[in-house]
């Protein structure tokens, strides 16, 4: 399953206040006009608390290994 590119993830999560829940990330990206691919990538993340942008990137990378 293709995911949003790391630069796109970084772009649409800029300004997120961490720690953040998955829904916080989705809502923030949606408000900034994120693409459907980006929103689907965030939607497919496991439910958890993300502590930093690197934490989100790691979680996206883990999706490839599942």
C-alpha atoms as a PDB file:
ATOM      1  CA  UNK A   1       0.000   0.000   0.000  1.00  0.00           C
ATOM      2  CA  UNK A   2       1.574   3.342  -1.023  1.00  0.00           C
ATOM      3  CA  UNK A   3       1.980   6.002   1.618  1.00  0.00           C
ATOM      4  CA  UNK A   4       2.373   9.745   1.524  1.00  0.00           C
ATOM      5  CA  UNK A   5       5.960  10.852   0.952  1.00  0.00           C
ATOM      6  CA  UNK A   6       7.978  11.786   4.061  1.00  0.00           C
ATOM      7  CA  UNK A   7       8.291  15.413   2.912  1.00  0.00           C
ATOM      8  CA  UNK A   8       4.520  15.630   2.462  1.00  0.00           C
ATOM      9  CA  UNK A   9       3.986  14.222   5.944  1.00  0.00           C
ATOM     10  CA  UNK A  10       6.401  16.764   7.376  1.00  0.00           C
ATOM     11  CA  UNK A  11       4.734  19.606   5.464  1.00  0.00           C
ATOM     12  CA  UNK A  12       1.212  18.864   6.659  1.00  0.00           C
ATOM     13  CA  UNK A  13       2.153  18.115  10.247  1.00  0.00           C
ATOM     14  CA  UNK A  14       4.193  21.283  10.712  1.00  0.00           C
ATOM     15  CA  UNK A  15       2.795  23.148  13.691  1.00  0.00           C
ATOM     16  CA  UNK A  16       1.201  20.137  15.395  1.00  0.00           C
ATOM     17  CA  UNK A  17       1.403  20.353  19.164  1.00  0.00           C
ATOM     18  CA  UNK A  18       2.943  17.134  20.509  1.00  0.00           C
ATOM     19  CA  UNK A  19       2.091  14.834  22.151  1.00  0.00           C
ATOM     20  CA  UNK A  20      -0.761  14.282  19.702  1.00  0.00           C
ATOM     21  CA  UNK A  21      -3.346  11.590  19.040  1.00  0.00           C
ATOM     22  CA  UNK A  22      -3.864  10.135  15.576  1.00  0.00           C
ATOM     23  CA  UNK A  23      -7.079  12.158  15.147  1.00  0.00           C
ATOM     24  CA  UNK A  24      -5.196  15.357  16.028  1.00  0.00           C
ATOM     25  CA  UNK A  25      -2.758  14.633  13.191  1.00  0.00           C
ATOM     26  CA  UNK A  26      -5.563  13.898  10.724  1.00  0.00           C
ATOM     27  CA  UNK A  27      -7.507  17.033  11.641  1.00  0.00           C
ATOM     28  CA  UNK A  28      -4.407  19.233  11.400  1.00  0.00           C
ATOM     29  CA  UNK A  29      -3.444  17.832   7.998  1.00  0.00           C
ATOM     30  CA  UNK A  30      -7.027  18.197   6.725  1.00  0.00           C
ATOM     31  CA  UNK A  31      -7.118  21.856   7.813  1.00  0.00           C
ATOM     32  CA  UNK A  32      -3.949  22.474   5.791  1.00  0.00           C
ATOM     33  CA  UNK A  33      -5.440  20.900   2.664  1.00  0.00           C
ATOM     34  CA  UNK A  34      -3.597  17.565   2.715  1.00  0.00           C
ATOM     35  CA  UNK A  35      -4.019  15.181  -0.198  1.00  0.00           C
ATOM     36  CA  UNK A  36      -6.223  12.111   0.010  1.00  0.00           C
ATOM     37  CA  UNK A  37      -3.086   9.917   0.060  1.00  0.00           C
ATOM     38  CA  UNK A  38      -1.801  11.849   3.059  1.00  0.00           C
ATOM     39  CA  UNK A  39      -5.085  11.537   4.924  1.00  0.00           C
ATOM     40  CA  UNK A  40      -5.281   7.811   4.170  1.00  0.00           C
ATOM     41  CA  UNK A  41      -1.725   7.327   5.421  1.00  0.00           C
ATOM     42  CA  UNK A  42      -2.586   9.024   8.710  1.00  0.00           C
ATOM     43  CA  UNK A  43      -5.884   7.140   8.975  1.00  0.00           C
ATOM     44  CA  UNK A  44      -4.038   3.827   8.638  1.00  0.00           C
ATOM     45  CA  UNK A  45      -1.724   4.546  11.566  1.00  0.00           C
ATOM     46  CA  UNK A  46      -2.278   2.578  14.766  1.00  0.00           C
ATOM     47  CA  UNK A  47      -4.150   4.413  17.521  1.00  0.00           C
ATOM     48  CA  UNK A  48      -1.532   5.823  19.871  1.00  0.00           C
ATOM     49  CA  UNK A  49       0.009   8.997  21.192  1.00  0.00           C
ATOM     50  CA  UNK A  50       2.727  10.481  18.972  1.00  0.00           C
ATOM     51  CA  UNK A  51       5.432  12.439  20.768  1.00  0.00           C
ATOM     52  CA  UNK A  52       7.242  14.026  17.817  1.00  0.00           C
ATOM     53  CA  UNK A  53       7.347  14.219  14.009  1.00  0.00           C
ATOM     54  CA  UNK A  54      10.008  11.475  14.078  1.00  0.00           C
ATOM     55  CA  UNK A  55       7.561   9.301  16.004  1.00  0.00           C
ATOM     56  CA  UNK A  56       5.016   9.727  13.189  1.00  0.00           C
ATOM     57  CA  UNK A  57       7.646   8.918  10.547  1.00  0.00           C
ATOM     58  CA  UNK A  58       8.634   5.740  12.412  1.00  0.00           C
ATOM     59  CA  UNK A  59       4.988   4.678  12.618  1.00  0.00           C
ATOM     60  CA  UNK A  60       4.517   5.179   8.856  1.00  0.00           C
ATOM     61  CA  UNK A  61       7.644   3.107   8.250  1.00  0.00           C
ATOM     62  CA  UNK A  62       6.275   0.351  10.478  1.00  0.00           C
ATOM     63  CA  UNK A  63       3.156   0.174   8.317  1.00  0.00           C
ATOM     64  CA  UNK A  64       5.322  -1.185   5.481  1.00  0.00           C
ATOM     65  CA  UNK A  65       6.466  -4.051   7.682  1.00  0.00           C
ATOM     66  CA  UNK A  66       3.009  -5.192   8.771  1.00  0.00           C
END
